[in-house]
Amino acid sequence: MNKRKKIRIGIVITLLLIIGIIGGKLYMAKQTHNQRVAEMANTLRYEGFETEIAKELKEKYPDIKAIRFEGTSKNDKTGFYWSTFYIIADWTKGQPESEWSSQIDYTSLQDIKNNGYTMGITKLMNKYDETGKTVTPVLVTYSTGKKKEV
């Protein structure tokens, strides 16, 4: 009887270990999946921000040919997002295209739509501020590498 009890206890412990290992692997797989979903949501959110910024820049500056975003990120402590981008435009005489870089700070996509954003621009861009709008499609290169005309 004592031998049977040891065998049963051994089987129960083995089954519990197997169930624990399988459960742990399933839990980790679910966490990895949730993390991937969150990363994809951030990517789409950032692309949405970058599209809105591109639309705002088209409304504000003339003759923009392309906008290239280097990065978009969120500061979790302040809640502010920031984007670093380059504008390629035909603003100088004697050169077919010139490139200027800037950085934008904003709090949400709704904030961009309602209130605009704060943007640090270079002195060269100041004289083109509010001088017209770009009516042709602009090639936007998102920080994810994806390209799209806006």
C-alpha atoms as a PDB file:
ATOM      1  CA  MET A   1       0.000   0.000   0.000  1.00  0.00           C
ATOM      2  CA  ASN A   2       2.805   2.375   0.850  1.00  0.00           C
ATOM      3  CA  LYS A   3       4.411   1.730  -2.541  1.00  0.00           C
ATOM      4  CA  ARG A   4       1.134   2.519  -4.380  1.00  0.00           C
ATOM      5  CA  LYS A   5       0.766   5.770  -2.475  1.00  0.00           C
ATOM      6  CA  LYS A   6       4.279   6.861  -3.510  1.00  0.00           C
ATOM      7  CA  ILE A   7       3.498   6.017  -7.151  1.00  0.00           C
ATOM      8  CA  ARG A   8       0.262   8.037  -7.047  1.00  0.00           C
ATOM      9  CA  ILE A   9       2.002  10.987  -5.441  1.00  0.00           C
ATOM     10  CA  GLY A  10       4.746  10.769  -8.082  1.00  0.00           C
ATOM     11  CA  ILE A  11       2.168  10.726 -10.894  1.00  0.00           C
ATOM     12  CA  VAL A  12       0.263  13.687  -9.394  1.00  0.00           C
ATOM     13  CA  ILE A  13       3.477  15.715  -9.001  1.00  0.00           C
ATOM     14  CA  THR A  14       4.533  14.897 -12.583  1.00  0.00           C
ATOM     15  CA  LEU A  15       1.107  15.927 -13.924  1.00  0.00           C
ATOM     16  CA  LEU A  16       1.212  19.169 -11.942  1.00  0.00           C
ATOM     17  CA  LEU A  17       4.663  19.951 -13.323  1.00  0.00           C
ATOM     18  CA  ILE A  18       3.511  19.258 -16.893  1.00  0.00           C
ATOM     19  CA  ILE A  19       0.391  21.393 -16.435  1.00  0.00           C
ATOM     20  CA  GLY A  20       2.503  24.186 -14.897  1.00  0.00           C
ATOM     21  CA  ILE A  21       5.011  24.130 -17.765  1.00  0.00           C
ATOM     22  CA  ILE A  22       2.300  24.103 -20.451  1.00  0.00           C
ATOM     23  CA  GLY A  23       0.341  26.844 -18.650  1.00  0.00           C
ATOM     24  CA  GLY A  24       3.481  28.954 -18.325  1.00  0.00           C
ATOM     25  CA  LYS A  25       4.244  28.604 -22.020  1.00  0.00           C
ATOM     26  CA  LEU A  26       0.667  29.562 -22.952  1.00  0.00           C
ATOM     27  CA  TYR A  27       0.813  32.569 -20.617  1.00  0.00           C
ATOM     28  CA  MET A  28       4.118  33.727 -22.134  1.00  0.00           C
ATOM     29  CA  ALA A  29       2.753  33.269 -25.665  1.00  0.00           C
ATOM     30  CA  LYS A  30      -0.276  35.407 -24.756  1.00  0.00           C
ATOM     31  CA  GLN A  31       1.955  38.112 -23.262  1.00  0.00           C
ATOM     32  CA  THR A  32       4.113  38.138 -26.399  1.00  0.00           C
ATOM     33  CA  HIS A  33       0.991  38.404 -28.553  1.00  0.00           C
ATOM     34  CA  ASN A  34      -0.340  41.289 -26.436  1.00  0.00           C
ATOM     35  CA  GLN A  35       3.005  43.051 -26.688  1.00  0.00           C
ATOM     36  CA  ARG A  36       2.996  42.693 -30.507  1.00  0.00           C
ATOM     37  CA  VAL A  37      -0.563  44.034 -30.683  1.00  0.00           C
ATOM     38  CA  ALA A  38       0.433  47.030 -28.537  1.00  0.00           C
ATOM     39  CA  GLU A  39       3.461  47.729 -30.756  1.00  0.00           C
ATOM     40  CA  MET A  40       1.279  47.572 -33.888  1.00  0.00           C
ATOM     41  CA  ALA A  41      -1.232  49.957 -32.287  1.00  0.00           C
ATOM     42  CA  ASN A  42       1.592  52.388 -31.466  1.00  0.00           C
ATOM     43  CA  THR A  43       2.868  52.159 -35.030  1.00  0.00           C
ATOM     44  CA  LEU A  44      -0.585  52.953 -36.429  1.00  0.00           C
ATOM     45  CA  ARG A  45      -1.044  55.766 -33.905  1.00  0.00           C
ATOM     46  CA  TYR A  46       2.319  57.269 -34.840  1.00  0.00           C
ATOM     47  CA  GLU A  47       1.503  57.008 -38.553  1.00  0.00           C
ATOM     48  CA  GLY A  48      -1.777  58.805 -37.833  1.00  0.00           C
ATOM     49  CA  PHE A  49       0.095  61.576 -36.017  1.00  0.00           C
ATOM     50  CA  GLU A  50       2.606  61.850 -38.814  1.00  0.00           C
ATOM     51  CA  THR A  51      -0.152  62.021 -41.460  1.00  0.00           C
ATOM     52  CA  GLU A  52      -1.891  64.835 -39.562  1.00  0.00           C
ATOM     53  CA  ILE A  53       1.399  66.721 -39.192  1.00  0.00           C
ATOM     54  CA  ALA A  54       2.047  66.335 -42.929  1.00  0.00           C
ATOM     55  CA  LYS A  55      -1.431  67.722 -43.710  1.00  0.00           C
ATOM     56  CA  GLU A  56      -0.850  70.676 -41.382  1.00  0.00           C
ATOM     57  CA  LEU A  57       2.553  71.393 -42.948  1.00  0.00           C
ATOM     58  CA  LYS A  58       1.012  71.284 -46.439  1.00  0.00           C
ATOM     59  CA  GLU A  59      -1.524  73.907 -45.339  1.00  0.00           C
ATOM     60  CA  LYS A  60       1.178  76.168 -43.913  1.00  0.00           C
ATOM     61  CA  TYR A  61       4.145  75.996 -46.316  1.00  0.00           C
ATOM     62  CA  PRO A  62       4.353  76.261 -50.108  1.00  0.00           C
ATOM     63  CA  ASP A  63       6.011  73.890 -52.577  1.00  0.00           C
ATOM     64  CA  ILE A  64       6.771  70.981 -50.249  1.00  0.00           C
ATOM     65  CA  LYS A  65       8.018  68.006 -52.242  1.00  0.00           C
ATOM     66  CA  ALA A  66       8.511  65.442 -49.465  1.00  0.00           C
ATOM     67  CA  ILE A  67       8.435  65.038 -45.705  1.00  0.00           C
ATOM     68  CA  ARG A  68      10.577  62.397 -44.013  1.00  0.00           C
ATOM     69  CA  PHE A  69       9.897  61.495 -40.383  1.00  0.00           C
ATOM     70  CA  GLU A  70      12.931  60.266 -38.482  1.00  0.00           C
ATOM     71  CA  GLY A  71      11.111  59.294 -35.336  1.00  0.00           C
ATOM     72  CA  THR A  72       7.928  59.647 -33.338  1.00  0.00           C
ATOM     73  CA  SER A  73       7.730  58.741 -29.688  1.00  0.00           C
ATOM     74  CA  LYS A  74       5.833  59.440 -26.472  1.00  0.00           C
ATOM     75  CA  ASN A  75       7.145  60.727 -23.168  1.00  0.00           C
ATOM     76  CA  ASP A  76       5.139  58.686 -20.658  1.00  0.00           C
ATOM     77  CA  LYS A  77       5.838  61.116 -17.802  1.00  0.00           C
ATOM     78  CA  THR A  78       4.504  64.255 -19.524  1.00  0.00           C
ATOM     79  CA  GLY A  79       2.096  62.645 -21.991  1.00  0.00           C
ATOM     80  CA  PHE A  80       3.630  64.610 -24.871  1.00  0.00           C
ATOM     81  CA  TYR A  81       4.492  63.056 -28.211  1.00  0.00           C
ATOM     82  CA  TRP A  82       7.336  64.347 -30.327  1.00  0.00           C
ATOM     83  CA  SER A  83       8.216  63.917 -33.976  1.00  0.00           C
ATOM     84  CA  THR A  84      11.428  64.754 -35.757  1.00  0.00           C
ATOM     85  CA  PHE A  85      11.079  65.290 -39.488  1.00  0.00           C
ATOM     86  CA  TYR A  86      12.746  66.733 -42.568  1.00  0.00           C
ATOM     87  CA  ILE A  87      10.942  68.887 -45.120  1.00  0.00           C
ATOM     88  CA  ILE A  88      12.228  68.795 -48.674  1.00  0.00           C
ATOM     89  CA  ALA A  89      10.955  71.837 -50.565  1.00  0.00           C
ATOM     90  CA  ASP A  90      11.716  74.082 -53.523  1.00  0.00           C
ATOM     91  CA  TRP A  91      12.240  77.293 -51.549  1.00  0.00           C
ATOM     92  CA  THR A  92      15.638  78.552 -52.682  1.00  0.00           C
ATOM     93  CA  LYS A  93      16.582  80.040 -56.007  1.00  0.00           C
ATOM     94  CA  GLY A  94      19.363  78.321 -57.882  1.00  0.00           C
ATOM     95  CA  GLN A  95      18.804  74.986 -56.111  1.00  0.00           C
ATOM     96  CA  PRO A  96      16.158  72.505 -57.148  1.00  0.00           C
ATOM     97  CA  GLU A  97      15.425  71.346 -53.602  1.00  0.00           C
ATOM     98  CA  SER A  98      16.433  72.283 -50.093  1.00  0.00           C
ATOM     99  CA  GLU A  99      16.005  70.356 -46.882  1.00  0.00           C
ATOM    100  CA  TRP A 100      15.070  71.659 -43.431  1.00  0.00           C
ATOM    101  CA  SER A 101      14.561  69.728 -40.256  1.00  0.00           C
ATOM    102  CA  SER A 102      12.360  70.419 -37.289  1.00  0.00           C
ATOM    103  CA  GLN A 103      10.713  68.851 -34.259  1.00  0.00           C
ATOM    104  CA  ILE A 104       7.072  68.994 -33.164  1.00  0.00           C
ATOM    105  CA  ASP A 105       5.598  68.487 -29.686  1.00  0.00           C
ATOM    106  CA  TYR A 106       1.900  67.659 -29.196  1.00  0.00           C
ATOM    107  CA  THR A 107      -0.330  65.775 -26.782  1.00  0.00           C
ATOM    108  CA  SER A 108      -2.745  63.799 -28.978  1.00  0.00           C
ATOM    109  CA  LEU A 109      -4.088  63.344 -32.481  1.00  0.00           C
ATOM    110  CA  GLN A 110      -7.200  65.282 -31.445  1.00  0.00           C
ATOM    111  CA  ASP A 111      -4.922  68.050 -30.151  1.00  0.00           C
ATOM    112  CA  ILE A 112      -3.278  68.337 -33.568  1.00  0.00           C
ATOM    113  CA  LYS A 113      -6.685  68.517 -35.294  1.00  0.00           C
ATOM    114  CA  ASN A 114      -8.177  71.065 -32.863  1.00  0.00           C
ATOM    115  CA  ASN A 115      -5.282  73.243 -31.772  1.00  0.00           C
ATOM    116  CA  GLY A 116      -2.413  72.550 -34.129  1.00  0.00           C
ATOM    117  CA  TYR A 117       0.901  71.936 -32.407  1.00  0.00           C
ATOM    118  CA  THR A 118       4.033  73.660 -31.256  1.00  0.00           C
ATOM    119  CA  MET A 119       6.891  73.408 -33.686  1.00  0.00           C
ATOM    120  CA  GLY A 120      10.460  74.572 -33.502  1.00  0.00           C
ATOM    121  CA  ILE A 121      11.424  75.679 -36.999  1.00  0.00           C
ATOM    122  CA  THR A 122      14.706  76.885 -38.407  1.00  0.00           C
ATOM    123  CA  LYS A 123      15.283  80.553 -39.292  1.00  0.00           C
ATOM    124  CA  LEU A 124      15.232  79.650 -42.982  1.00  0.00           C
ATOM    125  CA  MET A 125      11.711  78.247 -42.619  1.00  0.00           C
ATOM    126  CA  ASN A 126      10.436  81.350 -40.765  1.00  0.00           C
ATOM    127  CA  LYS A 127      10.160  83.444 -43.907  1.00  0.00           C
ATOM    128  CA  TYR A 128       7.965  80.782 -45.544  1.00  0.00           C
ATOM    129  CA  ASP A 129       5.637  80.415 -42.546  1.00  0.00           C
ATOM    130  CA  GLU A 130       2.019  81.140 -43.572  1.00  0.00           C
ATOM    131  CA  THR A 131       3.069  82.115 -47.131  1.00  0.00           C
ATOM    132  CA  GLY A 132       0.867  79.647 -48.922  1.00  0.00           C
ATOM    133  CA  LYS A 133      -0.037  76.031 -49.141  1.00  0.00           C
ATOM    134  CA  THR A 134       1.153  73.001 -51.029  1.00  0.00           C
ATOM    135  CA  VAL A 135      -1.534  71.823 -53.443  1.00  0.00           C
ATOM    136  CA  THR A 136       0.358  68.930 -55.013  1.00  0.00           C
ATOM    137  CA  PRO A 137       0.665  65.527 -53.317  1.00  0.00           C
ATOM    138  CA  VAL A 138       3.573  65.250 -50.897  1.00  0.00           C
ATOM    139  CA  LEU A 139       5.545  62.020 -50.504  1.00  0.00           C
ATOM    140  CA  VAL A 140       5.564  61.220 -46.787  1.00  0.00           C
ATOM    141  CA  THR A 141       8.085  58.724 -45.462  1.00  0.00           C
ATOM    142  CA  TYR A 142       6.871  57.569 -42.071  1.00  0.00           C
ATOM    143  CA  SER A 143       9.210  56.772 -39.200  1.00  0.00           C
ATOM    144  CA  THR A 144       8.304  53.103 -39.783  1.00  0.00           C
ATOM    145  CA  GLY A 145       9.785  53.299 -43.309  1.00  0.00           C
ATOM    146  CA  LYS A 146       6.413  53.159 -45.041  1.00  0.00           C
ATOM    147  CA  LYS A 147       5.917  55.706 -47.875  1.00  0.00           C
ATOM    148  CA  LYS A 148       2.658  57.302 -48.925  1.00  0.00           C
ATOM    149  CA  GLU A 149       1.486  60.367 -50.832  1.00  0.00           C
ATOM    150  CA  VAL A 150      -0.595  62.777 -48.781  1.00  0.00           C
END
